[in-house]
PDB file of N, CA and C in Angstrom:
ATOM      1  N   MET A   1      -0.411  -2.060  13.648  1.00  0.00           N
ATOM      2  CA  MET A   1      -0.766  -1.530  12.347  1.00  0.00           C
ATOM      3  C   MET A   1       0.185  -0.394  11.947  1.00  0.00           C
ATOM      4  N   VAL A   2       0.549   0.442  12.908  1.00  0.00           N
ATOM      5  CA  VAL A   2       1.425   1.570  12.595  1.00  0.00           C
ATOM      6  C   VAL A   2       2.789   1.083  12.120  1.00  0.00           C
ATOM      7  N   MET A   3       3.337   0.086  12.776  1.00  0.00           N
ATOM      8  CA  MET A   3       4.646  -0.432  12.372  1.00  0.00           C
ATOM      9  C   MET A   3       4.572  -1.131  11.017  1.00  0.00           C
ATOM     10  N   LEU A   4       3.461  -1.782  10.738  1.00  0.00           N
ATOM     11  CA  LEU A   4       3.293  -2.434   9.444  1.00  0.00           C
ATOM     12  C   LEU A   4       3.264  -1.398   8.330  1.00  0.00           C
ATOM     13  N   LEU A   5       2.535  -0.326   8.533  1.00  0.00           N
ATOM     14  CA  LEU A   5       2.485   0.734   7.527  1.00  0.00           C
ATOM     15  C   LEU A   5       3.858   1.347   7.296  1.00  0.00           C
ATOM     16  N   ALA A   6       4.566   1.608   8.375  1.00  0.00           N
ATOM     17  CA  ALA A   6       5.893   2.215   8.238  1.00  0.00           C
ATOM     18  C   ALA A   6       6.841   1.313   7.456  1.00  0.00           C
ATOM     19  N   SER A   7       6.768   0.031   7.696  1.00  0.00           N
ATOM     20  CA  SER A   7       7.664  -0.879   6.973  1.00  0.00           C
ATOM     21  C   SER A   7       7.352  -0.894   5.485  1.00  0.00           C
ATOM     22  N   PHE A   8       6.085  -0.894   5.127  1.00  0.00           N
ATOM     23  CA  PHE A   8       5.740  -0.866   3.705  1.00  0.00           C
ATOM     24  C   PHE A   8       6.140   0.457   3.057  1.00  0.00           C
ATOM     25  N   TRP A   9       5.884   1.567   3.739  1.00  0.00           N
ATOM     26  CA  TRP A   9       6.169   2.872   3.146  1.00  0.00           C
ATOM     27  C   TRP A   9       7.663   3.105   2.967  1.00  0.00           C
ATOM     28  N   PHE A  10       8.495   2.520   3.823  1.00  0.00           N
ATOM     29  CA  PHE A  10       9.931   2.758   3.707  1.00  0.00           C
ATOM     30  C   PHE A  10      10.647   1.694   2.886  1.00  0.00           C
ATOM     31  N   LEU A  11      10.312   0.450   3.068  1.00  0.00           N
ATOM     32  CA  LEU A  11      11.081  -0.617   2.433  1.00  0.00           C
ATOM     33  C   LEU A  11      10.728  -0.830   0.968  1.00  0.00           C
ATOM     34  N   VAL A  12       9.460  -0.938   0.680  1.00  0.00           N
ATOM     35  CA  VAL A  12       9.063  -1.302  -0.686  1.00  0.00           C
ATOM     36  C   VAL A  12       9.442  -0.220  -1.696  1.00  0.00           C
ATOM     37  N   PRO A  13       8.939   1.002  -1.541  1.00  0.00           N
ATOM     38  CA  PRO A  13       9.304   2.011  -2.539  1.00  0.00           C
ATOM     39  C   PRO A  13      10.694   2.606  -2.322  1.00  0.00           C
ATOM     40  N   GLY A  14      11.269   2.418  -1.139  1.00  0.00           N
ATOM     41  CA  GLY A  14      12.573   2.999  -0.861  1.00  0.00           C
ATOM     42  C   GLY A  14      13.660   2.466  -1.767  1.00  0.00           C
ATOM     43  N   ALA A  15      13.701   1.163  -1.944  1.00  0.00           N
ATOM     44  CA  ALA A  15      14.720   0.561  -2.807  1.00  0.00           C
ATOM     45  C   ALA A  15      14.514   0.984  -4.257  1.00  0.00           C
ATOM     46  N   LEU A  16      13.272   0.976  -4.699  1.00  0.00           N
ATOM     47  CA  LEU A  16      12.997   1.416  -6.070  1.00  0.00           C
ATOM     48  C   LEU A  16      13.346   2.888  -6.259  1.00  0.00           C
ATOM     49  N   GLY A  17      13.053   3.687  -5.243  1.00  0.00           N
ATOM     50  CA  GLY A  17      13.340   5.116  -5.337  1.00  0.00           C
ATOM     51  C   GLY A  17      14.826   5.410  -5.461  1.00  0.00           C
ATOM     52  N   PHE A  18      15.647   4.708  -4.693  1.00  0.00           N
ATOM     53  CA  PHE A  18      17.089   4.928  -4.773  1.00  0.00           C
ATOM     54  C   PHE A  18      17.638   4.508  -6.131  1.00  0.00           C
ATOM     55  N   VAL A  19      17.158   3.407  -6.648  1.00  0.00           N
ATOM     56  CA  VAL A  19      17.604   2.971  -7.973  1.00  0.00           C
ATOM     57  C   VAL A  19      17.163   3.983  -9.025  1.00  0.00           C
ATOM     58  N   GLY A  20      15.909   4.429  -8.915  1.00  0.00           N
ATOM     59  CA  GLY A  20      15.392   5.398  -9.881  1.00  0.00           C
ATOM     60  C   GLY A  20      16.129   6.722  -9.834  1.00  0.00           C
ATOM     61  N   LEU A  21      16.427   7.206  -8.625  1.00  0.00           N
ATOM     62  CA  LEU A  21      17.170   8.464  -8.518  1.00  0.00           C
ATOM     63  C   LEU A  21      18.579   8.333  -9.082  1.00  0.00           C
ATOM     64  N   GLY A  22      19.197   7.195  -8.834  1.00  0.00           N
ATOM     65  CA  GLY A  22      20.534   6.964  -9.386  1.00  0.00           C
ATOM     66  C   GLY A  22      20.528   6.927 -10.903  1.00  0.00           C
ATOM     67  N   GLU A  23      19.543   6.255 -11.456  1.00  0.00           N
ATOM     68  CA  GLU A  23      19.430   6.181 -12.915  1.00  0.00           C
ATOM     69  C   GLU A  23      19.080   7.543 -13.513  1.00  0.00           C
ATOM     70  N   ALA A  24      18.162   8.265 -12.859  1.00  0.00           N
ATOM     71  CA  ALA A  24      17.764   9.576 -13.372  1.00  0.00           C
ATOM     72  C   ALA A  24      18.922  10.568 -13.289  1.00  0.00           C
ATOM     73  N   ALA A  25      19.728  10.484 -12.232  1.00  0.00           N
ATOM     74  CA  ALA A  25      20.877  11.380 -12.089  1.00  0.00           C
ATOM     75  C   ALA A  25      21.928  11.126 -13.163  1.00  0.00           C
ATOM     76  N   SER A  26      22.007   9.894 -13.623  1.00  0.00           N
ATOM     77  CA  SER A  26      22.975   9.581 -14.673  1.00  0.00           C
ATOM     78  C   SER A  26      22.441   9.918 -16.061  1.00  0.00           C
ATOM     79  N   GLY A  27      21.191  10.374 -16.128  1.00  0.00           N
ATOM     80  CA  GLY A  27      20.621  10.770 -17.415  1.00  0.00           C
ATOM     81  C   GLY A  27      19.979   9.635 -18.176  1.00  0.00           C
ATOM     82  N   SER A  28      19.791   8.518 -17.541  1.00  0.00           N
ATOM     83  CA  SER A  28      19.204   7.359 -18.208  1.00  0.00           C
ATOM     84  C   SER A  28      17.683   7.496 -18.292  1.00  0.00           C
ATOM     85  N   VAL A  29      17.132   7.077 -19.412  1.00  0.00           N
ATOM     86  CA  VAL A  29      15.678   7.091 -19.585  1.00  0.00           C
ATOM     87  C   VAL A  29      15.035   6.041 -18.689  1.00  0.00           C
ATOM     88  N   ALA A  30      15.736   4.979 -18.398  1.00  0.00           N
ATOM     89  CA  ALA A  30      15.198   3.919 -17.539  1.00  0.00           C
ATOM     90  C   ALA A  30      14.949   4.431 -16.128  1.00  0.00           C
ATOM     91  N   GLY A  31      15.684   5.444 -15.707  1.00  0.00           N
ATOM     92  CA  GLY A  31      15.494   6.012 -14.375  1.00  0.00           C
ATOM     93  C   GLY A  31      14.120   6.624 -14.204  1.00  0.00           C
ATOM     94  N   VAL A  32      13.629   7.268 -15.240  1.00  0.00           N
ATOM     95  CA  VAL A  32      12.290   7.860 -15.183  1.00  0.00           C
ATOM     96  C   VAL A  32      11.248   6.760 -15.048  1.00  0.00           C
ATOM     97  N   GLN A  33      11.424   5.675 -15.767  1.00  0.00           N
ATOM     98  CA  GLN A  33      10.477   4.559 -15.679  1.00  0.00           C
ATOM     99  C   GLN A  33      10.498   3.936 -14.289  1.00  0.00           C
ATOM    100  N   VAL A  34      11.662   3.834 -13.692  1.00  0.00           N
ATOM    101  CA  VAL A  34      11.757   3.279 -12.340  1.00  0.00           C
ATOM    102  C   VAL A  34      11.074   4.204 -11.338  1.00  0.00           C
ATOM    103  N   LEU A  35      11.225   5.512 -11.501  1.00  0.00           N
ATOM    104  CA  LEU A  35      10.542   6.456 -10.611  1.00  0.00           C
ATOM    105  C   LEU A  35       9.027   6.374 -10.768  1.00  0.00           C
ATOM    106  N   ILE A  36       8.560   6.213 -11.994  1.00  0.00           N
ATOM    107  CA  ILE A  36       7.118   6.030 -12.224  1.00  0.00           C
ATOM    108  C   ILE A  36       6.649   4.747 -11.558  1.00  0.00           C
ATOM    109  N   ASP A  37       7.430   3.687 -11.683  1.00  0.00           N
ATOM    110  CA  ASP A  37       7.090   2.421 -11.018  1.00  0.00           C
ATOM    111  C   ASP A  37       7.053   2.583  -9.504  1.00  0.00           C
ATOM    112  N   THR A  38       7.948   3.407  -8.966  1.00  0.00           N
ATOM    113  CA  THR A  38       7.966   3.661  -7.524  1.00  0.00           C
ATOM    114  C   THR A  38       6.677   4.332  -7.081  1.00  0.00           C
ATOM    115  N   PHE A  39       6.263   5.358  -7.794  1.00  0.00           N
ATOM    116  CA  PHE A  39       5.024   6.042  -7.430  1.00  0.00           C
ATOM    117  C   PHE A  39       3.805   5.144  -7.614  1.00  0.00           C
ATOM    118  N   MET A  40       3.840   4.294  -8.623  1.00  0.00           N
ATOM    119  CA  MET A  40       2.729   3.356  -8.815  1.00  0.00           C
ATOM    120  C   MET A  40       2.677   2.336  -7.679  1.00  0.00           C
ATOM    121  N   SER A  41       3.830   1.904  -7.200  1.00  0.00           N
ATOM    122  CA  SER A  41       3.831   0.963  -6.077  1.00  0.00           C
ATOM    123  C   SER A  41       3.330   1.637  -4.809  1.00  0.00           C
ATOM    124  N   LEU A  42       3.676   2.906  -4.591  1.00  0.00           N
ATOM    125  CA  LEU A  42       3.132   3.655  -3.454  1.00  0.00           C
ATOM    126  C   LEU A  42       1.614   3.745  -3.542  1.00  0.00           C
ATOM    127  N   PHE A  43       1.115   4.044  -4.721  1.00  0.00           N
ATOM    128  CA  PHE A  43      -0.328   4.137  -4.930  1.00  0.00           C
ATOM    129  C   PHE A  43      -1.005   2.794  -4.692  1.00  0.00           C
ATOM    130  N   ALA A  44      -0.408   1.722  -5.197  1.00  0.00           N
ATOM    131  CA  ALA A  44      -0.992   0.391  -5.016  1.00  0.00           C
ATOM    132  C   ALA A  44      -1.013  -0.022  -3.547  1.00  0.00           C
ATOM    133  N   ILE A  45       0.036   0.291  -2.811  1.00  0.00           N
ATOM    134  CA  ILE A  45       0.077  -0.038  -1.383  1.00  0.00           C
ATOM    135  C   ILE A  45      -0.997   0.739  -0.636  1.00  0.00           C
ATOM    136  N   ALA A  46      -1.109   2.033  -0.926  1.00  0.00           N
ATOM    137  CA  ALA A  46      -2.119   2.857  -0.254  1.00  0.00           C
ATOM    138  C   ALA A  46      -3.524   2.371  -0.580  1.00  0.00           C
ATOM    139  N   LEU A  47      -3.777   2.073  -1.833  1.00  0.00           N
ATOM    140  CA  LEU A  47      -5.096   1.584  -2.234  1.00  0.00           C
ATOM    141  C   LEU A  47      -5.401   0.235  -1.594  1.00  0.00           C
ATOM    142  N   GLY A  48      -4.416  -0.634  -1.517  1.00  0.00           N
ATOM    143  CA  GLY A  48      -4.614  -1.934  -0.885  1.00  0.00           C
ATOM    144  C   GLY A  48      -4.959  -1.813   0.585  1.00  0.00           C
ATOM    145  N   PHE A  49      -4.277  -0.909   1.280  1.00  0.00           N
ATOM    146  CA  PHE A  49      -4.603  -0.698   2.691  1.00  0.00           C
ATOM    147  C   PHE A  49      -5.999  -0.122   2.863  1.00  0.00           C
ATOM    148  N   LEU A  50      -6.397   0.799   1.997  1.00  0.00           N
ATOM    149  CA  LEU A  50      -7.738   1.377   2.096  1.00  0.00           C
ATOM    150  C   LEU A  50      -8.822   0.333   1.845  1.00  0.00           C
ATOM    151  N   VAL A  51      -8.648  -0.462   0.807  1.00  0.00           N
ATOM    152  CA  VAL A  51      -9.632  -1.501   0.496  1.00  0.00           C
ATOM    153  C   VAL A  51      -9.658  -2.552   1.593  1.00  0.00           C
ATOM    154  N   GLY A  52      -8.497  -2.959   2.069  1.00  0.00           N
ATOM    155  CA  GLY A  52      -8.440  -3.949   3.144  1.00  0.00           C
ATOM    156  C   GLY A  52      -9.096  -3.467   4.416  1.00  0.00           C
ATOM    157  N   THR A  53      -8.877  -2.206   4.761  1.00  0.00           N
ATOM    158  CA  THR A  53      -9.507  -1.640   5.953  1.00  0.00           C
ATOM    159  C   THR A  53     -11.018  -1.584   5.796  1.00  0.00           C
ATOM    160  N   ALA A  54     -11.481  -1.165   4.628  1.00  0.00           N
ATOM    161  CA  ALA A  54     -12.925  -1.095   4.387  1.00  0.00           C
ATOM    162  C   ALA A  54     -13.563  -2.478   4.457  1.00  0.00           C
ATOM    163  N   LEU A  55     -12.924  -3.469   3.860  1.00  0.00           N
ATOM    164  CA  LEU A  55     -13.472  -4.831   3.893  1.00  0.00           C
ATOM    165  C   LEU A  55     -13.478  -5.394   5.304  1.00  0.00           C
ATOM    166  N   THR A  56     -12.433  -5.117   6.059  1.00  0.00           N
ATOM    167  CA  THR A  56     -12.366  -5.602   7.437  1.00  0.00           C
ATOM    168  C   THR A  56     -13.485  -5.016   8.273  1.00  0.00           C
ATOM    169  N   ARG A  57     -13.747  -3.745   8.093  1.00  0.00           N
ATOM    170  CA  ARG A  57     -14.833  -3.108   8.843  1.00  0.00           C
ATOM    171  C   ARG A  57     -16.184  -3.680   8.438  1.00  0.00           C
ATOM    172  N   GLN A  58     -16.373  -3.927   7.144  1.00  0.00           N
ATOM    173  CA  GLN A  58     -17.643  -4.479   6.675  1.00  0.00           C
ATOM    174  C   GLN A  58     -17.864  -5.886   7.221  1.00  0.00           C
ATOM    175  N   VAL A  59     -16.828  -6.696   7.225  1.00  0.00           N
ATOM    176  CA  VAL A  59     -16.949  -8.062   7.747  1.00  0.00           C
ATOM    177  C   VAL A  59     -17.289  -8.024   9.228  1.00  0.00           C
ATOM    178  N   GLY A  60     -16.675  -7.112   9.971  1.00  0.00           N
ATOM    179  CA  GLY A  60     -16.983  -6.976  11.394  1.00  0.00           C
ATOM    180  C   GLY A  60     -18.428  -6.569  11.622  1.00  0.00           C
ATOM    181  N   ASP A  61     -18.949  -5.667  10.789  1.00  0.00           N
ATOM    182  CA  ASP A  61     -20.349  -5.248  10.912  1.00  0.00           C
ATOM    183  C   ASP A  61     -21.298  -6.402  10.608  1.00  0.00           C
ATOM    184  N   VAL A  62     -20.995  -7.172   9.578  1.00  0.00           N
ATOM    185  CA  VAL A  62     -21.849  -8.311   9.216  1.00  0.00           C
ATOM    186  C   VAL A  62     -21.833  -9.354  10.322  1.00  0.00           C
ATOM    187  N   GLN A  63     -20.664  -9.638  10.877  1.00  0.00           N
ATOM    188  CA  GLN A  63     -20.583 -10.614  11.964  1.00  0.00           C
ATOM    189  C   GLN A  63     -21.365 -10.139  13.181  1.00  0.00           C
ATOM    190  N   ALA A  64     -21.328  -8.854  13.465  1.00  0.00           N
ATOM    191  CA  ALA A  64     -22.083  -8.320  14.605  1.00  0.00           C
ATOM    192  C   ALA A  64     -23.584  -8.452  14.369  1.00  0.00           C
ATOM    193  N   ARG A  65     -24.034  -8.211  13.148  1.00  0.00           N
ATOM    194  CA  ARG A  65     -25.461  -8.335  12.830  1.00  0.00           C
ATOM    195  C   ARG A  65     -25.927  -9.782  12.921  1.00  0.00           C
ATOM    196  N   VAL A  66     -25.108 -10.694  12.406  1.00  0.00           N
ATOM    197  CA  VAL A  66     -25.466 -12.114  12.466  1.00  0.00           C
ATOM    198  C   VAL A  66     -25.506 -12.573  13.914  1.00  0.00           C
ATOM    199  N   GLY A  67     -24.553 -12.145  14.720  1.00  0.00           N
ATOM    200  CA  GLY A  67     -24.540 -12.501  16.133  1.00  0.00           C
ATOM    201  C   GLY A  67     -25.742 -11.938  16.866  1.00  0.00           C
ATOM    202  N   ALA A  68     -26.176 -10.735  16.507  1.00  0.00           N
ATOM    203  CA  ALA A  68     -27.344 -10.119  17.143  1.00  0.00           C
ATOM    204  C   ALA A  68     -28.622 -10.858  16.760  1.00  0.00           C
ATOM    205  N   ARG A  69     -28.704 -11.327  15.531  1.00  0.00           N
ATOM    206  CA  ARG A  69     -29.896 -12.063  15.090  1.00  0.00           C
ATOM    207  C   ARG A  69     -29.998 -13.418  15.783  1.00  0.00           C
ATOM    208  N   ARG A  70     -28.852 -14.037  16.010  1.00  0.00           N
ATOM    209  CA  ARG A  70     -28.871 -15.356  16.653  1.00  0.00           C
ATOM    210  C   ARG A  70     -29.284 -15.268  18.114  1.00  0.00           C
ATOM    211  N   THR A  71     -28.934 -14.180  18.772  1.00  0.00           N
ATOM    212  CA  THR A  71     -29.265 -14.057  20.194  1.00  0.00           C
ATOM    213  C   THR A  71     -30.684 -13.559  20.416  1.00  0.00           C
ATOM    214  N   SER A  72     -31.317 -12.980  19.395  1.00  0.00           N
ATOM    215  CA  SER A  72     -32.676 -12.467  19.605  1.00  0.00           C
ATOM    216  C   SER A  72     -33.744 -13.414  19.153  1.00  0.00           C
TER     217      SER A  72
END
């Protein structure tokens, strides 16, 4: 899980960030939009991991309850 998180945090927004910084340094208005897109992608990745983790835990709890009911 740790390596998966690191790959998403560095690869996905990293390329967008470099393009955005290059555009912003040249004074282009498009650079600001790319930087906003970079931060939005960071937010979406973080939110996706949080929701996925919560759902995974809930599914595990439900499976444990169903398994306990079947054995009793």
